[in-house]
Amino acid sequence: MRALGLAMVVLGALALVGCDDSTSTTITVDEAVKAGCAHFLAGPQTLLTATATDEATTPLVTEHHHRYVATLVKETVDTYAGYMKYAPTEAGRFLLMFTSDTPLTVTKADGTVATPTRVERALPECAEARVIYEFDLHKVEYTLYIGPVMAAGLTMVVHLPPVAGGGSGADAHGGH
């Protein structure tokens, strides 16, 4: 019953999300995840190495509709983790999708931790994603702490689904 209630809240919250055409048709949670999942296979792709601490050399991620293949830093004998920066070029509700069940902490520049609007694991709409985090993000810089995980590398997709009437994410979705 609780899961059904959560599903209804998520679906209700995303009912405003739509395609970029003039009819403002809606895109479902399933469609948003499928559209994001396509980036695991089609890219575009950037390789990067996370840092052990949040510092000036921490890699900056700015693209959405993009696949990032990250090398993490050895944290303990059998775990890896790392920092990346993310600076969205536009505000919106972003999906951060990972190929492993990866813990993620997103911190704003003022030090406050951003709370995901939803977290989904192993959805049938995207076999590549083991965990999907959804965040409402603004045009500011965020620090991503990824891990700890058991593998030194992972793939992350940053996806911004389109919204009703154009706007956020619409330009990159002509082919979705």
Protein backbone atom coordinates (compact mmCIF):
# COMPACT_ATOMS: atom_id res chain seq x y z
CA MET A 1 0.00 0.00 0.00
CA ARG A 2 2.83 2.40 0.88
CA ALA A 3 4.60 1.61 -2.42
CA LEU A 4 1.38 2.29 -4.33
CA GLY A 5 1.02 5.62 -2.54
CA LEU A 6 4.61 6.56 -3.39
CA ALA A 7 4.04 5.59 -7.01
CA MET A 8 0.94 7.79 -7.15
CA VAL A 9 2.88 10.74 -5.68
CA VAL A 10 5.71 10.28 -8.20
CA LEU A 11 3.28 9.96 -11.10
CA GLY A 12 1.33 12.97 -9.90
CA ALA A 13 4.48 15.04 -9.53
CA LEU A 14 5.63 14.12 -13.01
CA ALA A 15 2.23 14.66 -14.67
CA LEU A 16 3.40 18.14 -15.62
CA VAL A 17 6.37 16.75 -17.54
CA GLY A 18 5.80 16.69 -21.30
CA CYS A 19 7.27 16.75 -24.76
CA ASP A 20 8.41 19.90 -26.51
CA ASP A 21 5.66 19.99 -29.11
CA SER A 22 2.78 22.46 -29.11
CA THR A 23 0.24 19.86 -27.94
CA SER A 24 2.06 19.54 -24.57
CA THR A 25 1.52 15.80 -24.39
CA THR A 26 2.76 14.33 -21.13
CA ILE A 27 5.73 12.05 -20.66
CA THR A 28 5.38 9.32 -18.05
CA VAL A 29 7.96 8.22 -15.51
CA ASP A 30 8.60 5.17 -17.71
CA GLU A 31 9.23 7.35 -20.78
CA ALA A 32 11.59 9.69 -18.88
CA VAL A 33 13.62 6.72 -17.64
CA LYS A 34 13.68 5.10 -21.11
CA ALA A 35 14.83 8.37 -22.69
CA GLY A 36 17.60 8.69 -20.11
CA CYS A 37 18.54 5.05 -20.48
CA ALA A 38 19.21 5.56 -24.19
CA HIS A 39 22.28 7.62 -23.22
CA PHE A 40 23.89 4.51 -21.67
CA LEU A 41 24.02 3.04 -25.16
CA ALA A 42 24.22 6.05 -27.48
CA GLY A 43 26.11 8.60 -25.42
CA PRO A 44 27.58 11.08 -25.99
CA GLN A 45 30.33 10.02 -23.60
CA THR A 46 33.05 11.67 -21.51
CA LEU A 47 35.76 9.86 -19.54
CA LEU A 48 36.82 11.38 -16.21
CA THR A 49 38.60 10.60 -12.98
CA ALA A 50 37.00 11.56 -9.69
CA THR A 51 39.11 13.07 -6.91
CA ALA A 52 39.65 11.84 -3.35
CA THR A 53 38.67 15.22 -1.89
CA ASP A 54 36.54 18.17 -2.95
CA GLU A 55 39.20 20.43 -4.42
CA ALA A 56 40.06 22.71 -7.33
CA THR A 57 41.02 19.73 -9.53
CA THR A 58 37.69 17.94 -9.03
CA PRO A 59 36.28 17.26 -12.53
CA LEU A 60 33.40 19.52 -13.56
CA VAL A 61 30.42 17.95 -15.32
CA THR A 62 28.15 20.39 -17.17
CA GLU A 63 26.39 18.39 -19.86
CA HIS A 64 23.04 16.67 -19.50
CA HIS A 65 21.77 14.06 -21.97
CA HIS A 66 25.25 12.63 -21.51
CA ARG A 67 27.10 9.49 -20.34
CA TYR A 68 30.10 9.84 -18.02
CA VAL A 69 32.48 6.95 -17.47
CA ALA A 70 34.21 7.65 -14.16
CA THR A 71 37.23 6.17 -12.46
CA LEU A 72 36.90 6.36 -8.69
CA VAL A 73 39.61 6.60 -6.04
CA LYS A 74 40.51 3.69 -3.75
CA GLU A 75 38.99 4.54 -0.37
CA THR A 76 39.66 1.37 1.63
CA VAL A 77 41.05 -2.07 0.84
CA ASP A 78 37.93 -3.02 -1.13
CA THR A 79 35.93 0.19 -1.75
CA TYR A 80 36.16 3.12 -4.13
CA ALA A 81 34.61 6.58 -4.07
CA GLY A 82 35.18 10.06 -5.40
CA TYR A 83 34.09 13.63 -5.93
CA MET A 84 32.82 15.34 -9.06
CA LYS A 85 31.29 18.77 -9.56
CA TYR A 86 28.08 19.29 -11.50
CA ALA A 87 26.97 22.67 -12.82
CA PRO A 88 23.70 22.39 -14.77
CA THR A 89 23.41 24.79 -17.70
CA GLU A 90 19.69 25.11 -16.95
CA ALA A 91 17.40 24.44 -14.00
CA GLY A 92 15.13 21.42 -13.95
CA ARG A 93 14.32 17.99 -12.61
CA PHE A 94 17.38 15.87 -13.44
CA LEU A 95 17.84 12.11 -13.45
CA LEU A 96 21.28 10.86 -12.33
CA MET A 97 21.44 7.22 -13.38
CA PHE A 98 24.18 4.73 -12.40
CA THR A 99 25.21 1.29 -13.66
CA SER A 100 25.73 0.09 -10.09
CA ASP A 101 23.70 0.60 -6.91
CA THR A 102 25.81 3.62 -6.04
CA PRO A 103 25.37 5.81 -2.95
CA LEU A 104 25.22 9.48 -3.97
CA THR A 105 25.38 12.67 -1.92
CA VAL A 106 24.70 15.97 -3.70
CA THR A 107 25.81 19.08 -1.83
CA LYS A 108 25.02 22.69 -2.73
CA ALA A 109 27.73 25.36 -2.69
CA ASP A 110 26.45 26.61 0.70
CA GLY A 111 27.07 23.16 2.22
CA THR A 112 23.47 21.98 2.40
CA VAL A 113 22.70 18.51 1.13
CA ALA A 114 20.20 18.31 -1.73
CA THR A 115 17.46 15.75 -1.15
CA PRO A 116 16.42 13.59 -4.10
CA THR A 117 12.75 13.87 -5.11
CA ARG A 118 12.85 10.12 -5.79
CA VAL A 119 15.22 7.17 -5.84
CA GLU A 120 14.44 4.07 -7.92
CA ARG A 121 16.35 0.82 -8.12
CA ALA A 122 16.42 -1.73 -10.96
CA LEU A 123 13.49 -0.46 -13.03
CA PRO A 124 12.41 -2.74 -15.90
CA GLU A 125 12.40 0.30 -18.25
CA CYS A 126 16.20 0.52 -18.02
CA ALA A 127 18.22 -2.65 -17.45
CA GLU A 128 21.48 -0.66 -17.55
CA ALA A 129 20.60 1.53 -14.54
CA ARG A 130 20.85 -0.07 -11.11
CA VAL A 131 19.85 3.15 -9.32
CA ILE A 132 18.22 6.37 -10.52
CA TYR A 133 18.21 9.55 -8.46
CA GLU A 134 15.93 12.45 -9.36
CA PHE A 135 16.82 15.97 -8.16
CA ASP A 136 15.37 19.43 -8.69
CA LEU A 137 18.53 21.37 -9.55
CA HIS A 138 19.24 25.04 -10.25
CA LYS A 139 21.93 26.76 -12.32
CA VAL A 140 24.53 26.57 -9.54
CA GLU A 141 27.48 24.29 -8.86
CA TYR A 142 26.92 21.09 -6.88
CA THR A 143 29.42 18.65 -5.41
CA LEU A 144 28.67 14.98 -6.06
CA TYR A 145 30.16 12.43 -3.68
CA ILE A 146 29.85 9.03 -5.33
CA GLY A 147 30.34 5.83 -3.35
CA PRO A 148 31.60 3.91 -1.66
CA VAL A 149 31.27 1.06 -4.16
CA MET A 150 33.15 -2.18 -4.75
CA ALA A 151 34.42 -1.34 -8.26
CA ALA A 152 36.93 1.30 -9.37
CA GLY A 153 34.79 2.42 -12.28
CA LEU A 154 31.18 3.21 -13.04
CA THR A 155 29.00 4.83 -15.63
CA MET A 156 26.67 7.72 -14.84
CA VAL A 157 24.06 9.25 -17.12
CA VAL A 158 22.81 12.77 -16.48
CA HIS A 159 19.41 13.25 -18.09
CA LEU A 160 16.99 16.19 -18.13
CA PRO A 161 13.54 15.08 -19.34
CA PRO A 162 11.54 17.61 -21.38
CA VAL A 163 8.79 19.62 -19.71
CA ALA A 164 5.39 20.70 -20.99
CA GLY A 165 5.46 23.59 -23.46
CA GLY A 166 9.17 23.32 -24.31
CA GLY A 167 11.71 24.63 -21.84
CA SER A 168 14.10 22.47 -19.86
CA GLY A 169 15.51 19.56 -21.77
CA ALA A 170 13.43 20.16 -24.89
CA ASP A 171 16.29 20.91 -27.26
CA ALA A 172 18.04 17.59 -26.75
CA HIS A 173 14.91 15.51 -27.23
CA GLY A 174 14.16 15.85 -30.90
CA GLY A 175 15.00 12.17 -31.39
CA HIS A 176 13.30 10.80 -28.25
